[in-house]
C-alpha atoms as a PDB file:
ATOM      1  CA  MET A   1     114.735-252.905 105.447  1.00  0.00           C
ATOM      2  CA  ASN A   2     115.792-250.143 103.028  1.00  0.00           C
ATOM      3  CA  LEU A   3     114.645-246.523 103.205  1.00  0.00           C
ATOM      4  CA  TYR A   4     112.029-247.027 100.483  1.00  0.00           C
ATOM      5  CA  LYS A   5     110.326-249.741 102.500  1.00  0.00           C
ATOM      6  CA  HIS A   6     110.513-247.552 105.585  1.00  0.00           C
ATOM      7  CA  ARG A   7     108.704-244.777 103.768  1.00  0.00           C
ATOM      8  CA  VAL A   8     106.086-247.089 102.296  1.00  0.00           C
ATOM      9  CA  ALA A   9     105.379-248.223 105.832  1.00  0.00           C
ATOM     10  CA  LEU A  10     105.211-244.615 107.012  1.00  0.00           C
ATOM     11  CA  GLY A  11     102.777-243.809 104.219  1.00  0.00           C
ATOM     12  CA  PHE A  12     100.531-246.650 105.356  1.00  0.00           C
ATOM     13  CA  VAL A  13     100.809-245.469 108.943  1.00  0.00           C
ATOM     14  CA  CYS A  14      99.665-241.988 107.878  1.00  0.00           C
ATOM     15  CA  LEU A  15      96.481-243.473 106.403  1.00  0.00           C
ATOM     16  CA  VAL A  16      95.877-245.364 109.615  1.00  0.00           C
ATOM     17  CA  LEU A  17      96.489-242.207 111.624  1.00  0.00           C
ATOM     18  CA  ALA A  18      93.990-240.220 109.574  1.00  0.00           C
ATOM     19  CA  VAL A  19      91.310-242.763 110.432  1.00  0.00           C
ATOM     20  CA  ALA A  20      92.474-242.964 114.030  1.00  0.00           C
ATOM     21  CA  VAL A  21      92.180-239.221 114.556  1.00  0.00           C
ATOM     22  CA  THR A  22      88.607-239.376 113.332  1.00  0.00           C
ATOM     23  CA  PHE A  23      87.857-241.722 116.211  1.00  0.00           C
ATOM     24  CA  GLY A  24      89.743-239.643 118.751  1.00  0.00           C
ATOM     25  CA  ILE A  25      92.850-241.825 119.001  1.00  0.00           C
ATOM     26  CA  CYS A  26      96.048-239.924 119.802  1.00  0.00           C
ATOM     27  CA  PHE A  27      97.916-239.097 116.571  1.00  0.00           C
ATOM     28  CA  PHE A  28     101.102-238.284 118.416  1.00  0.00           C
ATOM     29  CA  ALA A  29     101.356-241.618 120.237  1.00  0.00           C
ATOM     30  CA  LEU A  30     100.769-243.610 117.051  1.00  0.00           C
ATOM     31  CA  ALA A  31     103.293-241.564 115.081  1.00  0.00           C
ATOM     32  CA  ARG A  32     105.833-242.210 117.833  1.00  0.00           C
ATOM     33  CA  THR A  33     105.229-245.975 117.711  1.00  0.00           C
ATOM     34  CA  ALA A  34     105.629-246.033 113.925  1.00  0.00           C
ATOM     35  CA  ALA A  35     108.871-244.043 113.928  1.00  0.00           C
ATOM     36  CA  GLU A  36     110.384-246.120 116.730  1.00  0.00           C
ATOM     37  CA  SER A  37     109.607-249.374 114.957  1.00  0.00           C
ATOM     38  CA  MET A  38     111.476-248.207 111.866  1.00  0.00           C
ATOM     39  CA  ARG A  39     114.372-246.568 113.749  1.00  0.00           C
ATOM     40  CA  LEU A  40     114.796-243.701 111.305  1.00  0.00           C
ATOM     41  CA  THR A  41     117.598-241.252 112.066  1.00  0.00           C
ATOM     42  CA  ILE A  42     117.538-237.494 111.551  1.00  0.00           C
ATOM     43  CA  VAL A  43     120.760-235.469 111.656  1.00  0.00           C
ATOM     44  CA  ILE A  44     120.291-231.898 112.856  1.00  0.00           C
ATOM     45  CA  ASP A  45     123.127-229.505 112.100  1.00  0.00           C
ATOM     46  CA  ALA A  46     123.283-226.267 114.089  1.00  0.00           C
ATOM     47  CA  GLY A  47     125.274-223.967 111.829  1.00  0.00           C
ATOM     48  CA  HIS A  48     128.449-222.152 112.988  1.00  0.00           C
ATOM     49  CA  GLY A  49     129.614-222.306 116.628  1.00  0.00           C
ATOM     50  CA  GLY A  50     132.600-221.479 118.783  1.00  0.00           C
ATOM     51  CA  VAL A  51     134.665-218.612 117.360  1.00  0.00           C
ATOM     52  CA  ASP A  52     132.425-218.671 114.268  1.00  0.00           C
ATOM     53  CA  GLY A  53     129.309-216.849 115.412  1.00  0.00           C
ATOM     54  CA  GLY A  54     127.835-216.380 111.952  1.00  0.00           C
ATOM     55  CA  VAL A  55     125.827-213.235 111.287  1.00  0.00           C
ATOM     56  CA  VAL A  56     124.632-210.937 114.080  1.00  0.00           C
ATOM     57  CA  GLY A  57     121.231-209.395 114.712  1.00  0.00           C
ATOM     58  CA  THR A  58     121.174-205.699 113.911  1.00  0.00           C
ATOM     59  CA  GLN A  59     118.896-204.810 116.835  1.00  0.00           C
ATOM     60  CA  THR A  60     120.063-207.028 119.688  1.00  0.00           C
ATOM     61  CA  GLY A  61     123.484-208.254 118.565  1.00  0.00           C
ATOM     62  CA  THR A  62     122.374-211.856 119.046  1.00  0.00           C
ATOM     63  CA  LYS A  63     124.710-214.285 117.330  1.00  0.00           C
ATOM     64  CA  GLU A  64     123.373-216.576 114.638  1.00  0.00           C
ATOM     65  CA  SER A  65     125.197-219.532 116.196  1.00  0.00           C
ATOM     66  CA  ASP A  66     123.232-219.128 119.455  1.00  0.00           C
ATOM     67  CA  ILE A  67     119.875-219.007 117.678  1.00  0.00           C
ATOM     68  CA  ASN A  68     120.852-221.975 115.506  1.00  0.00           C
ATOM     69  CA  LEU A  69     121.701-224.091 118.541  1.00  0.00           C
ATOM     70  CA  ALA A  70     118.566-223.135 120.458  1.00  0.00           C
ATOM     71  CA  LEU A  71     116.391-223.968 117.456  1.00  0.00           C
ATOM     72  CA  ALA A  72     118.281-227.208 116.764  1.00  0.00           C
ATOM     73  CA  ARG A  73     117.598-228.317 120.341  1.00  0.00           C
ATOM     74  CA  GLU A  74     113.896-227.639 119.879  1.00  0.00           C
ATOM     75  CA  LEU A  75     113.977-229.649 116.657  1.00  0.00           C
ATOM     76  CA  ARG A  76     115.668-232.535 118.452  1.00  0.00           C
ATOM     77  CA  LEU A  77     112.844-232.602 120.992  1.00  0.00           C
ATOM     78  CA  GLU A  78     110.206-232.587 118.247  1.00  0.00           C
ATOM     79  CA  PHE A  79     111.738-235.531 116.397  1.00  0.00           C
ATOM     80  CA  GLU A  80     112.567-237.504 119.539  1.00  0.00           C
ATOM     81  CA  ASP A  81     109.029-237.021 120.835  1.00  0.00           C
ATOM     82  CA  ALA A  82     107.828-238.462 117.515  1.00  0.00           C
ATOM     83  CA  GLY A  83     110.045-241.518 117.993  1.00  0.00           C
ATOM     84  CA  PHE A  84     112.969-240.726 115.693  1.00  0.00           C
ATOM     85  CA  THR A  85     116.626-241.215 116.530  1.00  0.00           C
ATOM     86  CA  VAL A  86     118.281-237.786 116.473  1.00  0.00           C
ATOM     87  CA  VAL A  87     121.970-236.971 116.029  1.00  0.00           C
ATOM     88  CA  MET A  88     123.159-233.394 116.460  1.00  0.00           C
ATOM     89  CA  THR A  89     126.396-232.397 114.773  1.00  0.00           C
ATOM     90  CA  ARG A  90     126.886-229.528 117.251  1.00  0.00           C
ATOM     91  CA  PRO A  91     125.152-230.199 120.590  1.00  0.00           C
ATOM     92  CA  THR A  92     126.910-227.355 122.464  1.00  0.00           C
ATOM     93  CA  GLU A  93     128.061-223.776 121.886  1.00  0.00           C
ATOM     94  CA  ALA A  94     131.494-225.055 120.811  1.00  0.00           C
ATOM     95  CA  GLY A  95     132.581-225.496 117.221  1.00  0.00           C
ATOM     96  CA  LEU A  96     133.779-228.840 115.844  1.00  0.00           C
ATOM     97  CA  TYR A  97     137.272-227.732 114.818  1.00  0.00           C
ATOM     98  CA  GLY A  98     139.311-228.523 117.942  1.00  0.00           C
ATOM     99  CA  VAL A  99     141.755-225.635 118.353  1.00  0.00           C
ATOM    100  CA  ALA A 100     140.879-222.367 116.571  1.00  0.00           C
ATOM    101  CA  THR A 101     144.000-222.306 114.426  1.00  0.00           C
ATOM    102  CA  THR A 102     144.392-221.789 110.696  1.00  0.00           C
ATOM    103  CA  GLY A 103     141.974-223.993 108.777  1.00  0.00           C
ATOM    104  CA  TYR A 104     139.494-224.290 111.644  1.00  0.00           C
ATOM    105  CA  LYS A 105     136.493-223.710 109.371  1.00  0.00           C
ATOM    106  CA  ARG A 106     137.538-226.514 107.027  1.00  0.00           C
ATOM    107  CA  ARG A 107     138.053-228.894 109.973  1.00  0.00           C
ATOM    108  CA  ASP A 108     134.685-227.898 111.403  1.00  0.00           C
ATOM    109  CA  MET A 109     132.854-228.649 108.175  1.00  0.00           C
ATOM    110  CA  GLN A 110     134.720-231.904 107.623  1.00  0.00           C
ATOM    111  CA  ARG A 111     133.679-233.130 111.063  1.00  0.00           C
ATOM    112  CA  ARG A 112     130.046-232.318 110.285  1.00  0.00           C
ATOM    113  CA  ALA A 113     130.365-234.333 107.065  1.00  0.00           C
ATOM    114  CA  GLU A 114     131.827-237.282 108.987  1.00  0.00           C
ATOM    115  CA  ILE A 115     128.937-237.265 111.457  1.00  0.00           C
ATOM    116  CA  ILE A 116     126.421-237.293 108.613  1.00  0.00           C
ATOM    117  CA  ARG A 117     128.145-240.177 106.816  1.00  0.00           C
ATOM    118  CA  GLU A 118     128.607-242.198 110.012  1.00  0.00           C
ATOM    119  CA  ASN A 119     124.884-242.114 110.793  1.00  0.00           C
ATOM    120  CA  ALA A 120     123.357-242.681 107.320  1.00  0.00           C
ATOM    121  CA  PRO A 121     120.290-240.580 108.183  1.00  0.00           C
ATOM    122  CA  ALA A 122     116.915-240.482 106.496  1.00  0.00           C
ATOM    123  CA  ALA A 123     117.302-236.686 106.335  1.00  0.00           C
ATOM    124  CA  VAL A 124     119.718-233.903 107.268  1.00  0.00           C
ATOM    125  CA  ILE A 125     118.450-230.507 108.432  1.00  0.00           C
ATOM    126  CA  SER A 126     121.020-227.728 108.757  1.00  0.00           C
ATOM    127  CA  VAL A 127     119.751-224.725 110.720  1.00  0.00           C
ATOM    128  CA  HIS A 128     120.931-221.217 109.805  1.00  0.00           C
ATOM    129  CA  GLN A 129     119.836-217.564 109.868  1.00  0.00           C
ATOM    130  CA  ASN A 130     120.010-215.193 106.916  1.00  0.00           C
ATOM    131  CA  PHE A 131     121.329-211.653 106.439  1.00  0.00           C
ATOM    132  CA  PHE A 132     120.865-209.159 103.619  1.00  0.00           C
ATOM    133  CA  SER A 133     121.925-205.604 102.897  1.00  0.00           C
ATOM    134  CA  GLN A 134     118.298-204.493 102.566  1.00  0.00           C
ATOM    135  CA  ALA A 135     116.609-204.654 105.965  1.00  0.00           C
ATOM    136  CA  SER A 136     113.200-205.162 104.345  1.00  0.00           C
ATOM    137  CA  ARG A 137     114.036-208.730 103.289  1.00  0.00           C
ATOM    138  CA  ARG A 138     112.559-211.289 105.685  1.00  0.00           C
ATOM    139  CA  GLY A 139     111.154-214.778 105.990  1.00  0.00           C
ATOM    140  CA  ALA A 140     112.352-218.386 106.005  1.00  0.00           C
ATOM    141  CA  GLN A 141     113.832-220.060 102.960  1.00  0.00           C
ATOM    142  CA  VAL A 142     115.011-223.624 102.345  1.00  0.00           C
ATOM    143  CA  PHE A 143     117.954-224.675 100.154  1.00  0.00           C
ATOM    144  CA  PHE A 144     118.691-228.075  98.630  1.00  0.00           C
ATOM    145  CA  ARG A 145     121.284-229.887  96.529  1.00  0.00           C
ATOM    146  CA  GLU A 146     120.044-229.984  92.961  1.00  0.00           C
ATOM    147  CA  GLU A 147     121.767-233.292  92.149  1.00  0.00           C
ATOM    148  CA  ILE A 148     119.668-235.127  94.758  1.00  0.00           C
ATOM    149  CA  PRO A 149     115.992-235.056  93.679  1.00  0.00           C
ATOM    150  CA  GLN A 150     114.820-236.161  97.123  1.00  0.00           C
ATOM    151  CA  SER A 151     116.557-233.167  98.667  1.00  0.00           C
ATOM    152  CA  LYS A 152     114.425-230.884  96.534  1.00  0.00           C
ATOM    153  CA  THR A 153     111.284-232.750  97.572  1.00  0.00           C
ATOM    154  CA  LEU A 154     112.252-232.470 101.239  1.00  0.00           C
ATOM    155  CA  ALA A 155     113.042-228.769 100.821  1.00  0.00           C
ATOM    156  CA  CYS A 156     109.711-228.086  99.125  1.00  0.00           C
ATOM    157  CA  SER A 157     107.827-229.965 101.845  1.00  0.00           C
ATOM    158  CA  ILE A 158     109.481-227.907 104.590  1.00  0.00           C
ATOM    159  CA  GLN A 159     109.098-224.662 102.625  1.00  0.00           C
ATOM    160  CA  THR A 160     105.395-225.324 102.129  1.00  0.00           C
ATOM    161  CA  ALA A 161     104.996-225.832 105.870  1.00  0.00           C
ATOM    162  CA  LEU A 162     106.915-222.637 106.639  1.00  0.00           C
ATOM    163  CA  ASN A 163     104.868-220.668 104.112  1.00  0.00           C
ATOM    164  CA  GLY A 164     101.752-221.717 105.997  1.00  0.00           C
ATOM    165  CA  MET A 165     102.844-220.143 109.279  1.00  0.00           C
ATOM    166  CA  PRO A 166     100.797-217.094 110.379  1.00  0.00           C
ATOM    167  CA  GLU A 167     104.038-215.106 110.664  1.00  0.00           C
ATOM    168  CA  CYS A 168     104.842-215.692 106.984  1.00  0.00           C
ATOM    169  CA  VAL A 169     104.479-212.321 105.236  1.00  0.00           C
ATOM    170  CA  LYS A 170     105.865-213.488 101.888  1.00  0.00           C
ATOM    171  CA  ARG A 171     105.710-216.964 100.439  1.00  0.00           C
ATOM    172  CA  SER A 172     109.096-218.213  99.271  1.00  0.00           C
ATOM    173  CA  GLU A 173     110.235-221.070  97.057  1.00  0.00           C
ATOM    174  CA  ALA A 174     112.871-223.645  97.959  1.00  0.00           C
ATOM    175  CA  LEU A 175     116.079-222.931  96.048  1.00  0.00           C
ATOM    176  CA  ALA A 176     119.033-224.991  94.838  1.00  0.00           C
ATOM    177  CA  GLY A 177     122.302-224.134  96.572  1.00  0.00           C
ATOM    178  CA  ASP A 178     125.914-225.263  96.367  1.00  0.00           C
ATOM    179  CA  TYR A 179     126.833-225.666 100.037  1.00  0.00           C
ATOM    180  CA  PHE A 180     129.285-228.043 101.686  1.00  0.00           C
ATOM    181  CA  VAL A 181     126.830-229.543 104.159  1.00  0.00           C
ATOM    182  CA  LEU A 182     124.439-230.384 101.306  1.00  0.00           C
ATOM    183  CA  ASN A 183     127.160-231.945  99.169  1.00  0.00           C
ATOM    184  CA  CYS A 184     128.837-234.140 101.783  1.00  0.00           C
ATOM    185  CA  ALA A 185     126.453-237.107 101.560  1.00  0.00           C
ATOM    186  CA  ASP A 186     124.000-238.581  99.071  1.00  0.00           C
ATOM    187  CA  VAL A 187     121.005-238.371 101.389  1.00  0.00           C
ATOM    188  CA  PRO A 188     118.115-235.881 101.455  1.00  0.00           C
ATOM    189  CA  ALA A 189     119.623-232.759 103.024  1.00  0.00           C
ATOM    190  CA  VAL A 190     118.476-229.164 103.336  1.00  0.00           C
ATOM    191  CA  ILE A 191     119.615-225.870 104.802  1.00  0.00           C
ATOM    192  CA  VAL A 192     116.797-223.981 106.505  1.00  0.00           C
ATOM    193  CA  GLU A 193     117.478-220.246 106.690  1.00  0.00           C
ATOM    194  CA  CYS A 194     114.899-219.504 109.363  1.00  0.00           C
ATOM    195  CA  GLY A 195     114.797-215.735 108.969  1.00  0.00           C
ATOM    196  CA  PHE A 196     116.833-212.567 108.417  1.00  0.00           C
ATOM    197  CA  LEU A 197     118.775-211.173 111.361  1.00  0.00           C
ATOM    198  CA  SER A 198     119.100-208.034 109.232  1.00  0.00           C
ATOM    199  CA  ASN A 199     115.322-207.562 109.536  1.00  0.00           C
ATOM    200  CA  PRO A 200     114.024-206.173 112.867  1.00  0.00           C
ATOM    201  CA  GLU A 201     110.735-208.092 112.707  1.00  0.00           C
ATOM    202  CA  ASP A 202     112.403-211.434 111.978  1.00  0.00           C
ATOM    203  CA  GLU A 203     115.038-210.841 114.642  1.00  0.00           C
ATOM    204  CA  ALA A 204     112.401-209.989 117.245  1.00  0.00           C
ATOM    205  CA  LEU A 205     110.687-213.305 116.536  1.00  0.00           C
ATOM    206  CA  LEU A 206     113.813-215.462 116.329  1.00  0.00           C
ATOM    207  CA  ILE A 207     115.175-214.429 119.723  1.00  0.00           C
ATOM    208  CA  THR A 208     112.033-215.723 121.472  1.00  0.00           C
ATOM    209  CA  ALA A 209     111.749-219.322 122.665  1.00  0.00           C
ATOM    210  CA  GLU A 210     108.065-219.405 121.731  1.00  0.00           C
ATOM    211  CA  TYR A 211     108.710-218.640 118.068  1.00  0.00           C
ATOM    212  CA  ARG A 212     111.643-221.053 117.891  1.00  0.00           C
ATOM    213  CA  ARG A 213     109.381-223.820 119.215  1.00  0.00           C
ATOM    214  CA  LYS A 214     106.816-222.948 116.570  1.00  0.00           C
ATOM    215  CA  LEU A 215     109.482-223.044 113.859  1.00  0.00           C
ATOM    216  CA  ALA A 216     110.744-226.405 115.129  1.00  0.00           C
ATOM    217  CA  LYS A 217     107.253-227.904 115.039  1.00  0.00           C
ATOM    218  CA  THR A 218     106.749-226.598 111.507  1.00  0.00           C
ATOM    219  CA  ILE A 219     110.093-227.855 110.179  1.00  0.00           C
ATOM    220  CA  ALA A 220     109.517-231.253 111.798  1.00  0.00           C
ATOM    221  CA  ALA A 221     106.027-231.451 110.293  1.00  0.00           C
ATOM    222  CA  GLY A 222     107.388-230.708 106.814  1.00  0.00           C
ATOM    223  CA  THR A 223     110.106-233.333 107.234  1.00  0.00           C
ATOM    224  CA  ILE A 224     107.727-236.017 108.457  1.00  0.00           C
ATOM    225  CA  ALA A 225     105.360-235.266 105.566  1.00  0.00           C
ATOM    226  CA  PHE A 226     108.289-235.922 103.218  1.00  0.00           C
ATOM    227  CA  LEU A 227     109.239-239.161 104.963  1.00  0.00           C
ATOM    228  CA  SER A 228     105.618-240.308 104.900  1.00  0.00           C
ATOM    229  CA  SER A 229     105.425-240.321 101.111  1.00  0.00           C
ATOM    230  CA  PRO A 230     106.302-243.655  99.427  1.00  0.00           C
ATOM    231  CA  ALA A 231     107.127-241.635  96.281  1.00  0.00           C
ATOM    232  CA  ASN A 232     110.295-240.474  98.031  1.00  0.00           C
ATOM    233  CA  GLY A 233     111.712-243.947  98.563  1.00  0.00           C
ATOM    234  CA  ASP A 234     114.990-245.181  97.081  1.00  0.00           C
ATOM    235  CA  LYS A 235     114.747-246.035  93.401  1.00  0.00           C
END
């Protein structure tokens, strides 16, 4: 069964679930059964890792790579609990480059690309944190590859979900971006910049497990909404 048929089936399941909830039937259990029957795979990419810590929080010195991994693990739980197969490019604190010699960043990114291609996922979610020279900038923003229309649709679905969070102080729009992890496979892929570690308010939220769980639930909800739409099937 191709991805389009999977998504048509998911769309039908969503209609069934809407009726089921009305009668008190557990939405979560039915969503899990539907996802398991279609064996959809999600690749979650925790950005940076190892000697590449990414940006650093201005207040606590927390490394981006640590927050990315913690959030990616929460995302894995959300998708697995919903019945999806989940593959993490970076499941530990280590990078994917082997030995930290010259060219380690290129080797790290190439390995991430290989993992994505090997698994032919329904979607790729790369988790990152932002940084800006002006500390007032804050909030989550999603990036997509412009050449893949479904990536934009996925990005907009996740961005809409993030904009609806109570902690959202400024609604953002999903933006096109030219990034390696988005360009390495012709599948719907996004980078989710979950907040600014240059902003004290964002940093204070991102270092808490409670907020990371909330972010994971929101990102997963936006992704599943995308996968549930038959309009996003293969043409």
